[in-house]
Amino acid sequence: MSQVSDRKSLSYSGVFFMSLSKISFLLGIFLAVNLLQILPSDISFDNWFKKLKISLNVFILTYLIAELLVYFYDSYTKSKSGRATSLYHIIIRILTYISGLVVFTNLIGFELAPVLTALGVGGLAVALALQDTLSNLFAGLHILAARQLKPGDYIKLDSGEEGYVVDINWRNTEVKTLLENVIIIPNSKISSSISTNYFTLQKNMYFQVTVGVHYDSNLEHVEKVTLETAKELMAKYAPNLKNFEPRVRFFEFGDSSINMKVWLATDLYENQFQMRHEFVKMLHKRFNKEGIVIPFPIRTLHLPESLRIESNS
């Protein structure tokens, strides 16, 4: 069930019932053992049988409670953000199993305090041996608690790795690139690096295209034609975007052209490349139709009079 985000063909309830199939044999024994004491019979049960019954009951109930909590977490997360993380699955299961162990020891009369004291003495050595693992675990918890990123976000690290976050587990963050490769990044590296999350505030991905037009162009006409073309592109490739209108901004007098930036948007990071490709083709065709010139790079040279006389002689 920890890989629920990858099982897109199954509902969360389907994944929950699939997880129960892993302990189907124990469920059968659990029902049989409890029925033996419920049904009227002359069989006398020894103390070991009662402990077996307690062990099975506590284990089965603990497992069911853990899976139900994970199921509720997945359902809630799906309604809020659409994706769940396996790190929270692990934490929910660990806390539930620890609670089940405490209940079990109390029922059978076992003193857990001496064991915990012994574990506390050796815990320091274990913590030192697992220093790298624990740093990644707490880094993952920090990332999720601070809501720096979540599955489905598109991120880019300062080291160059970029892609969609697939999952955050107890040690690594899985990032899927646009080439469908999966990059495994330690949580501690993501927590300590400078990263850009393109989906932090909104899902619209803004990008721009730079265009230059001739100095003799009517800039009002150029702006109107460019905006019409941009709106036509948006209607075709990103019709569901809200609260966005294409914008045109002239920003400099270039060497051979007046340059402008056209602001566009898309709903997915990778769609910008196809939209940029189509916009260049559409705008080039429309400029040719309207008689708007995109000039070649040109440079005018002014030679001193003495140099021109020498060259003519």
C-alpha atoms as a PDB file:
ATOM      1  CA  MET A   1       0.000   0.000   0.000  1.00  0.00           C
ATOM      2  CA  SER A   2       3.007   2.258   0.339  1.00  0.00           C
ATOM      3  CA  GLN A   3       3.170   2.389  -3.439  1.00  0.00           C
ATOM      4  CA  VAL A   4      -0.414   3.535  -3.781  1.00  0.00           C
ATOM      5  CA  SER A   5       0.601   6.608  -5.774  1.00  0.00           C
ATOM      6  CA  ASP A   6       1.929   4.316  -8.522  1.00  0.00           C
ATOM      7  CA  ARG A   7      -1.175   2.134  -8.743  1.00  0.00           C
ATOM      8  CA  LYS A   8      -3.332   4.484 -10.731  1.00  0.00           C
ATOM      9  CA  SER A   9      -5.677   1.747 -11.958  1.00  0.00           C
ATOM     10  CA  LEU A  10      -6.824   0.851  -8.411  1.00  0.00           C
ATOM     11  CA  SER A  11      -8.922   2.867  -6.009  1.00  0.00           C
ATOM     12  CA  TYR A  12      -7.647   3.416  -2.486  1.00  0.00           C
ATOM     13  CA  SER A  13     -10.232   0.974  -1.127  1.00  0.00           C
ATOM     14  CA  GLY A  14      -9.043  -1.615  -3.660  1.00  0.00           C
ATOM     15  CA  VAL A  15      -5.462  -1.218  -2.459  1.00  0.00           C
ATOM     16  CA  PHE A  16      -6.667  -1.545   1.140  1.00  0.00           C
ATOM     17  CA  PHE A  17      -8.382  -4.876   0.490  1.00  0.00           C
ATOM     18  CA  MET A  18      -5.353  -6.074  -1.470  1.00  0.00           C
ATOM     19  CA  SER A  19      -3.197  -5.418   1.603  1.00  0.00           C
ATOM     20  CA  LEU A  20      -5.466  -7.743   3.609  1.00  0.00           C
ATOM     21  CA  SER A  21      -4.702 -10.578   1.194  1.00  0.00           C
ATOM     22  CA  LYS A  22      -1.115 -10.570   2.512  1.00  0.00           C
ATOM     23  CA  ILE A  23      -2.343 -11.939   5.847  1.00  0.00           C
ATOM     24  CA  SER A  24      -5.239 -14.046   4.541  1.00  0.00           C
ATOM     25  CA  PHE A  25      -3.749 -17.191   6.117  1.00  0.00           C
ATOM     26  CA  LEU A  26      -3.444 -15.509   9.520  1.00  0.00           C
ATOM     27  CA  LEU A  27      -6.971 -14.140   9.173  1.00  0.00           C
ATOM     28  CA  GLY A  28      -8.208 -17.697   8.697  1.00  0.00           C
ATOM     29  CA  ILE A  29      -6.398 -18.886  11.837  1.00  0.00           C
ATOM     30  CA  PHE A  30      -7.687 -15.805  13.710  1.00  0.00           C
ATOM     31  CA  LEU A  31     -11.299 -16.670  12.864  1.00  0.00           C
ATOM     32  CA  ALA A  32     -10.812 -20.368  13.643  1.00  0.00           C
ATOM     33  CA  VAL A  33      -9.225 -19.721  17.041  1.00  0.00           C
ATOM     34  CA  ASN A  34     -11.960 -17.304  18.097  1.00  0.00           C
ATOM     35  CA  LEU A  35     -14.736 -19.592  16.852  1.00  0.00           C
ATOM     36  CA  LEU A  36     -13.374 -22.464  18.941  1.00  0.00           C
ATOM     37  CA  GLN A  37     -14.091 -20.503  22.116  1.00  0.00           C
ATOM     38  CA  ILE A  38     -17.390 -19.051  20.919  1.00  0.00           C
ATOM     39  CA  LEU A  39     -18.948 -22.345  19.773  1.00  0.00           C
ATOM     40  CA  PRO A  40     -20.252 -24.661  22.521  1.00  0.00           C
ATOM     41  CA  SER A  41     -17.817 -27.535  23.078  1.00  0.00           C
ATOM     42  CA  ASP A  42     -16.263 -29.675  25.817  1.00  0.00           C
ATOM     43  CA  ILE A  43     -12.697 -28.846  24.819  1.00  0.00           C
ATOM     44  CA  SER A  44     -10.559 -27.399  27.627  1.00  0.00           C
ATOM     45  CA  PHE A  45      -8.089 -24.781  26.504  1.00  0.00           C
ATOM     46  CA  ASP A  46      -4.611 -24.552  28.001  1.00  0.00           C
ATOM     47  CA  ASN A  47      -2.823 -21.362  28.927  1.00  0.00           C
ATOM     48  CA  TRP A  48      -0.691 -21.496  25.758  1.00  0.00           C
ATOM     49  CA  PHE A  49      -3.842 -21.516  23.639  1.00  0.00           C
ATOM     50  CA  LYS A  50      -5.131 -18.405  25.375  1.00  0.00           C
ATOM     51  CA  LYS A  51      -1.812 -16.627  24.778  1.00  0.00           C
ATOM     52  CA  LEU A  52      -1.942 -17.704  21.141  1.00  0.00           C
ATOM     53  CA  LYS A  53      -5.411 -16.230  20.859  1.00  0.00           C
ATOM     54  CA  ILE A  54      -4.299 -12.952  22.468  1.00  0.00           C
ATOM     55  CA  SER A  55      -1.259 -12.763  20.169  1.00  0.00           C
ATOM     56  CA  LEU A  56      -3.328 -13.331  17.035  1.00  0.00           C
ATOM     57  CA  ASN A  57      -6.038 -10.896  18.096  1.00  0.00           C
ATOM     58  CA  VAL A  58      -3.592  -8.113  18.928  1.00  0.00           C
ATOM     59  CA  PHE A  59      -1.572  -8.646  15.745  1.00  0.00           C
ATOM     60  CA  ILE A  60      -4.591  -8.794  13.429  1.00  0.00           C
ATOM     61  CA  LEU A  61      -6.284  -5.794  15.055  1.00  0.00           C
ATOM     62  CA  THR A  62      -3.042  -3.779  15.015  1.00  0.00           C
ATOM     63  CA  TYR A  63      -2.514  -4.594  11.330  1.00  0.00           C
ATOM     64  CA  LEU A  64      -6.112  -3.666  10.449  1.00  0.00           C
ATOM     65  CA  ILE A  65      -5.925  -0.389  12.387  1.00  0.00           C
ATOM     66  CA  ALA A  66      -2.613   0.528  10.691  1.00  0.00           C
ATOM     67  CA  GLU A  67      -4.004  -0.185   7.223  1.00  0.00           C
ATOM     68  CA  LEU A  68      -7.221   1.709   7.995  1.00  0.00           C
ATOM     69  CA  LEU A  69      -5.246   4.743   9.175  1.00  0.00           C
ATOM     70  CA  VAL A  70      -3.125   4.642   6.016  1.00  0.00           C
ATOM     71  CA  TYR A  71      -6.314   4.299   3.957  1.00  0.00           C
ATOM     72  CA  PHE A  72      -7.895   7.330   5.644  1.00  0.00           C
ATOM     73  CA  TYR A  73      -4.681   9.300   5.205  1.00  0.00           C
ATOM     74  CA  ASP A  74      -4.555   8.434   1.490  1.00  0.00           C
ATOM     75  CA  SER A  75      -8.210   9.348   1.022  1.00  0.00           C
ATOM     76  CA  TYR A  76      -7.741  12.684   2.783  1.00  0.00           C
ATOM     77  CA  THR A  77      -4.526  13.455   0.899  1.00  0.00           C
ATOM     78  CA  LYS A  78      -6.140  12.567  -2.427  1.00  0.00           C
ATOM     79  CA  SER A  79      -8.996  14.979  -1.764  1.00  0.00           C
ATOM     80  CA  LYS A  80      -6.542  17.770  -0.873  1.00  0.00           C
ATOM     81  CA  SER A  81      -3.543  17.402  -3.163  1.00  0.00           C
ATOM     82  CA  GLY A  82      -4.082  14.215  -5.160  1.00  0.00           C
ATOM     83  CA  ARG A  83      -0.928  12.369  -4.034  1.00  0.00           C
ATOM     84  CA  ALA A  84       0.303  10.609  -0.880  1.00  0.00           C
ATOM     85  CA  THR A  85       3.834   9.960   0.350  1.00  0.00           C
ATOM     86  CA  SER A  86       5.171   6.612   1.565  1.00  0.00           C
ATOM     87  CA  LEU A  87       7.105   8.299   4.400  1.00  0.00           C
ATOM     88  CA  TYR A  88       3.854   9.064   6.211  1.00  0.00           C
ATOM     89  CA  HIS A  89       2.747   5.480   5.571  1.00  0.00           C
ATOM     90  CA  ILE A  90       5.876   4.222   7.345  1.00  0.00           C
ATOM     91  CA  ILE A  91       5.401   6.581  10.305  1.00  0.00           C
ATOM     92  CA  ILE A  92       1.723   5.616  10.723  1.00  0.00           C
ATOM     93  CA  ARG A  93       2.560   1.910  10.678  1.00  0.00           C
ATOM     94  CA  ILE A  94       5.493   2.234  13.098  1.00  0.00           C
ATOM     95  CA  LEU A  95       3.459   4.199  15.659  1.00  0.00           C
ATOM     96  CA  THR A  96       0.524   1.784  15.351  1.00  0.00           C
ATOM     97  CA  TYR A  97       2.737  -1.296  15.740  1.00  0.00           C
ATOM     98  CA  ILE A  98       4.453   0.210  18.789  1.00  0.00           C
ATOM     99  CA  SER A  99       1.032   0.842  20.352  1.00  0.00           C
ATOM    100  CA  GLY A 100       0.016  -2.725  19.543  1.00  0.00           C
ATOM    101  CA  LEU A 101       3.202  -4.055  21.170  1.00  0.00           C
ATOM    102  CA  VAL A 102       2.499  -2.090  24.353  1.00  0.00           C
ATOM    103  CA  VAL A 103      -1.054  -3.459  24.513  1.00  0.00           C
ATOM    104  CA  PHE A 104       0.182  -7.003  23.860  1.00  0.00           C
ATOM    105  CA  THR A 105       2.784  -6.916  26.649  1.00  0.00           C
ATOM    106  CA  ASN A 106       0.206  -5.590  29.108  1.00  0.00           C
ATOM    107  CA  LEU A 107      -2.261  -8.350  28.226  1.00  0.00           C
ATOM    108  CA  ILE A 108       0.240 -11.176  28.717  1.00  0.00           C
ATOM    109  CA  GLY A 109       1.721  -9.601  31.856  1.00  0.00           C
ATOM    110  CA  PHE A 110       5.168  -8.916  30.425  1.00  0.00           C
ATOM    111  CA  GLU A 111       7.179  -6.036  31.915  1.00  0.00           C
ATOM    112  CA  LEU A 112       8.278  -3.820  29.026  1.00  0.00           C
ATOM    113  CA  ALA A 113      10.137  -1.195  31.104  1.00  0.00           C
ATOM    114  CA  PRO A 114      13.380  -3.223  31.618  1.00  0.00           C
ATOM    115  CA  VAL A 115      13.560  -3.963  27.898  1.00  0.00           C
ATOM    116  CA  LEU A 116      13.123  -0.283  27.052  1.00  0.00           C
ATOM    117  CA  THR A 117      15.869   0.618  29.532  1.00  0.00           C
ATOM    118  CA  ALA A 118      18.262  -1.842  27.892  1.00  0.00           C
ATOM    119  CA  LEU A 119      17.357  -0.544  24.465  1.00  0.00           C
ATOM    120  CA  GLY A 120      17.977   3.017  25.649  1.00  0.00           C
ATOM    121  CA  VAL A 121      21.550   2.136  26.624  1.00  0.00           C
ATOM    122  CA  GLY A 122      22.295   0.620  23.241  1.00  0.00           C
ATOM    123  CA  GLY A 123      20.305   3.245  21.379  1.00  0.00           C
ATOM    124  CA  LEU A 124      23.218   5.667  21.239  1.00  0.00           C
ATOM    125  CA  ALA A 125      25.415   3.152  19.422  1.00  0.00           C
ATOM    126  CA  VAL A 126      22.604   2.365  17.000  1.00  0.00           C
ATOM    127  CA  ALA A 127      21.988   6.074  16.367  1.00  0.00           C
ATOM    128  CA  LEU A 128      25.678   6.608  15.567  1.00  0.00           C
ATOM    129  CA  ALA A 129      25.686   3.634  13.192  1.00  0.00           C
ATOM    130  CA  LEU A 130      22.548   4.889  11.449  1.00  0.00           C
ATOM    131  CA  GLN A 131      23.521   8.567  11.402  1.00  0.00           C
ATOM    132  CA  ASP A 132      23.174   8.926   7.637  1.00  0.00           C
ATOM    133  CA  THR A 133      19.858   7.063   7.566  1.00  0.00           C
ATOM    134  CA  LEU A 134      18.429   9.098  10.444  1.00  0.00           C
ATOM    135  CA  SER A 135      19.527  12.396   8.880  1.00  0.00           C
ATOM    136  CA  ASN A 136      17.649  11.472   5.687  1.00  0.00           C
ATOM    137  CA  LEU A 137      14.615  10.374   7.706  1.00  0.00           C
ATOM    138  CA  PHE A 138      14.385  13.643   9.649  1.00  0.00           C
ATOM    139  CA  ALA A 139      15.153  15.646   6.502  1.00  0.00           C
ATOM    140  CA  GLY A 140      12.187  13.955   4.815  1.00  0.00           C
ATOM    141  CA  LEU A 141       9.968  14.769   7.791  1.00  0.00           C
ATOM    142  CA  HIS A 142      11.164  18.387   7.705  1.00  0.00           C
ATOM    143  CA  ILE A 143      10.401  18.671   3.975  1.00  0.00           C
ATOM    144  CA  LEU A 144       6.863  17.344   4.437  1.00  0.00           C
ATOM    145  CA  ALA A 145       6.158  19.268   7.645  1.00  0.00           C
ATOM    146  CA  ALA A 146       7.348  22.541   6.099  1.00  0.00           C
ATOM    147  CA  ARG A 147       5.382  21.763   2.913  1.00  0.00           C
ATOM    148  CA  GLN A 148       8.414  22.581   0.800  1.00  0.00           C
ATOM    149  CA  LEU A 149       7.332  20.049  -1.815  1.00  0.00           C
ATOM    150  CA  LYS A 150       4.953  17.154  -2.315  1.00  0.00           C
ATOM    151  CA  PRO A 151       4.346  14.443  -4.929  1.00  0.00           C
ATOM    152  CA  GLY A 152       3.296  16.015  -8.214  1.00  0.00           C
ATOM    153  CA  ASP A 153       5.417  19.171  -7.847  1.00  0.00           C
ATOM    154  CA  TYR A 154       7.993  20.053 -10.495  1.00  0.00           C
ATOM    155  CA  ILE A 155      11.295  21.003  -8.880  1.00  0.00           C
ATOM    156  CA  LYS A 156      14.787  22.014  -9.984  1.00  0.00           C
ATOM    157  CA  LEU A 157      17.842  21.748  -7.724  1.00  0.00           C
ATOM    158  CA  ASP A 158      20.848  24.052  -7.884  1.00  0.00           C
ATOM    159  CA  SER A 159      22.944  21.005  -8.854  1.00  0.00           C
ATOM    160  CA  GLY A 160      20.918  20.674 -12.074  1.00  0.00           C
ATOM    161  CA  GLU A 161      18.523  17.796 -11.344  1.00  0.00           C
ATOM    162  CA  GLU A 162      14.919  18.562 -12.204  1.00  0.00           C
ATOM    163  CA  GLY A 163      11.628  16.743 -12.671  1.00  0.00           C
ATOM    164  CA  TYR A 164       8.342  15.749 -11.050  1.00  0.00           C
ATOM    165  CA  VAL A 165       8.375  14.502  -7.460  1.00  0.00           C
ATOM    166  CA  VAL A 166       7.048  10.931  -7.497  1.00  0.00           C
ATOM    167  CA  ASP A 167       7.453   9.964  -3.855  1.00  0.00           C
ATOM    168  CA  ILE A 168       9.198  10.900  -0.600  1.00  0.00           C
ATOM    169  CA  ASN A 169      10.160   7.876   1.498  1.00  0.00           C
ATOM    170  CA  TRP A 170      12.198   7.374   4.670  1.00  0.00           C
ATOM    171  CA  ARG A 171      15.538   7.809   2.883  1.00  0.00           C
ATOM    172  CA  ASN A 172      15.173   9.240  -0.643  1.00  0.00           C
ATOM    173  CA  THR A 173      13.035  11.450  -2.825  1.00  0.00           C
ATOM    174  CA  GLU A 174      12.173  10.026  -6.237  1.00  0.00           C
ATOM    175  CA  VAL A 175      12.091  12.559  -9.074  1.00  0.00           C
ATOM    176  CA  LYS A 176      10.925  11.633 -12.582  1.00  0.00           C
ATOM    177  CA  THR A 177      12.555  13.636 -15.384  1.00  0.00           C
ATOM    178  CA  LEU A 178      10.885  14.687 -18.615  1.00  0.00           C
ATOM    179  CA  LEU A 179      12.745  11.808 -20.312  1.00  0.00           C
ATOM    180  CA  GLU A 180      10.904   9.344 -18.019  1.00  0.00           C
ATOM    181  CA  ASN A 181      14.033   8.576 -15.981  1.00  0.00           C
ATOM    182  CA  VAL A 182      13.791   8.396 -12.189  1.00  0.00           C
ATOM    183  CA  ILE A 183      16.434  10.215 -10.121  1.00  0.00           C
ATOM    184  CA  ILE A 184      16.959   8.991  -6.548  1.00  0.00           C
ATOM    185  CA  ILE A 185      18.006  11.966  -4.376  1.00  0.00           C
ATOM    186  CA  PRO A 186      18.776  11.690  -0.632  1.00  0.00           C
ATOM    187  CA  ASN A 187      16.365  13.731   1.463  1.00  0.00           C
ATOM    188  CA  SER A 188      19.242  15.488   3.228  1.00  0.00           C
ATOM    189  CA  LYS A 189      20.540  16.816  -0.095  1.00  0.00           C
ATOM    190  CA  ILE A 190      17.161  18.275  -1.054  1.00  0.00           C
ATOM    191  CA  SER A 191      16.736  19.792   2.410  1.00  0.00           C
ATOM    192  CA  SER A 192      20.134  21.517   2.287  1.00  0.00           C
ATOM    193  CA  SER A 193      20.214  22.568  -1.380  1.00  0.00           C
ATOM    194  CA  ILE A 194      18.730  25.602  -3.111  1.00  0.00           C
ATOM    195  CA  SER A 195      15.753  24.378  -5.099  1.00  0.00           C
ATOM    196  CA  THR A 196      12.965  25.882  -7.185  1.00  0.00           C
ATOM    197  CA  ASN A 197       9.449  24.496  -6.789  1.00  0.00           C
ATOM    198  CA  TYR A 198       7.432  25.603  -9.798  1.00  0.00           C
ATOM    199  CA  PHE A 199       4.146  24.502  -8.222  1.00  0.00           C
ATOM    200  CA  THR A 200       4.413  26.117  -4.785  1.00  0.00           C
ATOM    201  CA  LEU A 201       1.894  28.946  -5.214  1.00  0.00           C
ATOM    202  CA  GLN A 202      -0.029  28.003  -8.334  1.00  0.00           C
ATOM    203  CA  LYS A 203      -0.146  25.359 -11.036  1.00  0.00           C
ATOM    204  CA  ASN A 204       0.239  27.709 -14.015  1.00  0.00           C
ATOM    205  CA  MET A 205       3.691  27.573 -15.597  1.00  0.00           C
ATOM    206  CA  TYR A 206       4.684  30.963 -17.012  1.00  0.00           C
ATOM    207  CA  PHE A 207       7.248  31.274 -19.776  1.00  0.00           C
ATOM    208  CA  GLN A 208       8.234  33.898 -22.335  1.00  0.00           C
ATOM    209  CA  VAL A 209       9.231  34.169 -25.972  1.00  0.00           C
ATOM    210  CA  THR A 210      11.505  36.997 -27.164  1.00  0.00           C
ATOM    211  CA  VAL A 211      10.710  38.560 -30.577  1.00  0.00           C
ATOM    212  CA  GLY A 212      12.314  41.430 -32.491  1.00  0.00           C
ATOM    213  CA  VAL A 213      10.600  43.633 -35.105  1.00  0.00           C
ATOM    214  CA  HIS A 214      11.921  46.244 -37.547  1.00  0.00           C
ATOM    215  CA  TYR A 215      12.391  49.849 -36.397  1.00  0.00           C
ATOM    216  CA  ASP A 216       9.931  51.000 -39.079  1.00  0.00           C
ATOM    217  CA  SER A 217       7.134  48.818 -37.633  1.00  0.00           C
ATOM    218  CA  ASN A 218       3.920  50.238 -36.173  1.00  0.00           C
ATOM    219  CA  LEU A 219       4.338  49.046 -32.593  1.00  0.00           C
ATOM    220  CA  GLU A 220       0.632  49.355 -31.770  1.00  0.00           C
ATOM    221  CA  HIS A 221      -0.166  47.054 -34.686  1.00  0.00           C
ATOM    222  CA  VAL A 222       2.625  44.675 -33.717  1.00  0.00           C
ATOM    223  CA  GLU A 223       1.299  44.415 -30.167  1.00  0.00           C
ATOM    224  CA  LYS A 224      -2.251  43.770 -31.361  1.00  0.00           C
ATOM    225  CA  VAL A 225      -1.233  41.045 -33.833  1.00  0.00           C
ATOM    226  CA  THR A 226       1.058  39.356 -31.307  1.00  0.00           C
ATOM    227  CA  LEU A 227      -1.631  39.278 -28.604  1.00  0.00           C
ATOM    228  CA  GLU A 228      -4.194  37.835 -31.032  1.00  0.00           C
ATOM    229  CA  THR A 229      -1.761  35.095 -31.991  1.00  0.00           C
ATOM    230  CA  ALA A 230      -0.924  34.380 -28.347  1.00  0.00           C
ATOM    231  CA  LYS A 231      -4.605  34.116 -27.404  1.00  0.00           C
ATOM    232  CA  GLU A 232      -5.216  31.778 -30.331  1.00  0.00           C
ATOM    233  CA  LEU A 233      -2.354  29.577 -29.111  1.00  0.00           C
ATOM    234  CA  MET A 234      -3.657  29.562 -25.514  1.00  0.00           C
ATOM    235  CA  ALA A 235      -7.168  28.641 -26.630  1.00  0.00           C
ATOM    236  CA  LYS A 236      -5.780  25.662 -28.535  1.00  0.00           C
ATOM    237  CA  TYR A 237      -3.146  24.300 -26.121  1.00  0.00           C
ATOM    238  CA  ALA A 238      -4.173  25.568 -22.656  1.00  0.00           C
ATOM    239  CA  PRO A 239      -7.930  26.241 -22.690  1.00  0.00           C
ATOM    240  CA  ASN A 240      -8.476  25.440 -19.006  1.00  0.00           C
ATOM    241  CA  LEU A 241      -6.088  27.976 -17.482  1.00  0.00           C
ATOM    242  CA  LYS A 242      -7.763  30.575 -15.292  1.00  0.00           C
ATOM    243  CA  ASN A 243      -6.781  34.111 -14.326  1.00  0.00           C
ATOM    244  CA  PHE A 244      -4.212  34.473 -17.077  1.00  0.00           C
ATOM    245  CA  GLU A 245      -4.041  36.641 -20.174  1.00  0.00           C
ATOM    246  CA  PRO A 246      -1.043  36.737 -22.556  1.00  0.00           C
ATOM    247  CA  ARG A 247       1.046  39.900 -22.258  1.00  0.00           C
ATOM    248  CA  VAL A 248       3.390  41.734 -24.625  1.00  0.00           C
ATOM    249  CA  ARG A 249       6.124  44.014 -23.302  1.00  0.00           C
ATOM    250  CA  PHE A 250       8.627  45.939 -25.433  1.00  0.00           C
ATOM    251  CA  PHE A 251      11.843  46.097 -23.441  1.00  0.00           C
ATOM    252  CA  GLU A 252      14.814  47.313 -25.499  1.00  0.00           C
ATOM    253  CA  PHE A 253      16.152  48.938 -28.666  1.00  0.00           C
ATOM    254  CA  GLY A 254      18.370  46.218 -30.084  1.00  0.00           C
ATOM    255  CA  ASP A 255      21.150  46.508 -32.667  1.00  0.00           C
ATOM    256  CA  SER A 256      18.780  45.774 -35.537  1.00  0.00           C
ATOM    257  CA  SER A 257      15.315  45.492 -33.980  1.00  0.00           C
ATOM    258  CA  ILE A 258      12.938  46.630 -31.266  1.00  0.00           C
ATOM    259  CA  ASN A 259      12.644  43.629 -28.972  1.00  0.00           C
ATOM    260  CA  MET A 260       9.625  42.471 -27.001  1.00  0.00           C
ATOM    261  CA  LYS A 261       8.787  39.641 -24.647  1.00  0.00           C
ATOM    262  CA  VAL A 262       5.566  37.648 -24.986  1.00  0.00           C
ATOM    263  CA  TRP A 263       4.350  36.046 -21.736  1.00  0.00           C
ATOM    264  CA  LEU A 264       2.498  32.754 -22.057  1.00  0.00           C
ATOM    265  CA  ALA A 265       1.433  30.006 -19.640  1.00  0.00           C
ATOM    266  CA  THR A 266       0.682  26.307 -19.528  1.00  0.00           C
ATOM    267  CA  ASP A 267      -0.534  23.800 -16.963  1.00  0.00           C
ATOM    268  CA  LEU A 268       2.453  21.429 -17.183  1.00  0.00           C
ATOM    269  CA  TYR A 269       6.122  22.275 -17.212  1.00  0.00           C
ATOM    270  CA  GLU A 270       6.949  20.173 -20.279  1.00  0.00           C
ATOM    271  CA  ASN A 271       4.118  21.643 -22.393  1.00  0.00           C
ATOM    272  CA  GLN A 272       5.954  24.962 -22.683  1.00  0.00           C
ATOM    273  CA  PHE A 273       8.379  23.509 -25.228  1.00  0.00           C
ATOM    274  CA  GLN A 274       5.620  22.426 -27.623  1.00  0.00           C
ATOM    275  CA  MET A 275       3.743  25.707 -27.139  1.00  0.00           C
ATOM    276  CA  ARG A 276       6.888  27.752 -27.757  1.00  0.00           C
ATOM    277  CA  HIS A 277       7.477  25.751 -30.953  1.00  0.00           C
ATOM    278  CA  GLU A 278       3.927  26.321 -32.203  1.00  0.00           C
ATOM    279  CA  PHE A 279       3.896  30.004 -31.243  1.00  0.00           C
ATOM    280  CA  VAL A 280       7.034  30.766 -33.261  1.00  0.00           C
ATOM    281  CA  LYS A 281       5.482  29.137 -36.330  1.00  0.00           C
ATOM    282  CA  MET A 282       2.115  30.850 -35.873  1.00  0.00           C
ATOM    283  CA  LEU A 283       3.644  34.274 -35.228  1.00  0.00           C
ATOM    284  CA  HIS A 284       6.008  34.005 -38.203  1.00  0.00           C
ATOM    285  CA  LYS A 285       3.090  33.143 -40.483  1.00  0.00           C
ATOM    286  CA  ARG A 286       0.926  35.966 -39.093  1.00  0.00           C
ATOM    287  CA  PHE A 287       3.747  38.548 -39.357  1.00  0.00           C
ATOM    288  CA  ASN A 288       4.280  37.623 -43.002  1.00  0.00           C
ATOM    289  CA  LYS A 289       0.559  38.084 -43.642  1.00  0.00           C
ATOM    290  CA  GLU A 290       0.457  41.473 -41.882  1.00  0.00           C
ATOM    291  CA  GLY A 291       3.676  42.722 -43.476  1.00  0.00           C
ATOM    292  CA  ILE A 292       5.538  42.948 -40.167  1.00  0.00           C
ATOM    293  CA  VAL A 293       9.271  42.487 -40.691  1.00  0.00           C
ATOM    294  CA  ILE A 294      11.517  40.466 -38.391  1.00  0.00           C
ATOM    295  CA  PRO A 295      14.893  41.915 -39.470  1.00  0.00           C
ATOM    296  CA  PHE A 296      18.122  40.045 -39.995  1.00  0.00           C
ATOM    297  CA  PRO A 297      20.928  41.149 -37.688  1.00  0.00           C
ATOM    298  CA  ILE A 298      22.543  44.163 -39.387  1.00  0.00           C
ATOM    299  CA  ARG A 299      25.318  46.557 -38.433  1.00  0.00           C
ATOM    300  CA  THR A 300      26.117  49.954 -39.947  1.00  0.00           C
ATOM    301  CA  LEU A 301      29.806  50.888 -40.083  1.00  0.00           C
ATOM    302  CA  HIS A 302      30.899  54.552 -40.140  1.00  0.00           C
ATOM    303  CA  LEU A 303      34.410  55.001 -41.518  1.00  0.00           C
ATOM    304  CA  PRO A 304      36.427  58.216 -41.012  1.00  0.00           C
ATOM    305  CA  GLU A 305      36.890  60.374 -44.154  1.00  0.00           C
ATOM    306  CA  SER A 306      40.658  59.707 -44.214  1.00  0.00           C
ATOM    307  CA  LEU A 307      40.161  55.945 -44.332  1.00  0.00           C
ATOM    308  CA  ARG A 308      37.630  56.246 -47.176  1.00  0.00           C
ATOM    309  CA  ILE A 309      40.038  58.361 -49.257  1.00  0.00           C
ATOM    310  CA  GLU A 310      42.856  55.880 -48.725  1.00  0.00           C
ATOM    311  CA  SER A 311      40.648  52.951 -49.689  1.00  0.00           C
ATOM    312  CA  ASN A 312      39.496  54.704 -52.889  1.00  0.00           C
ATOM    313  CA  SER A 313      43.061  55.533 -53.913  1.00  0.00           C
END
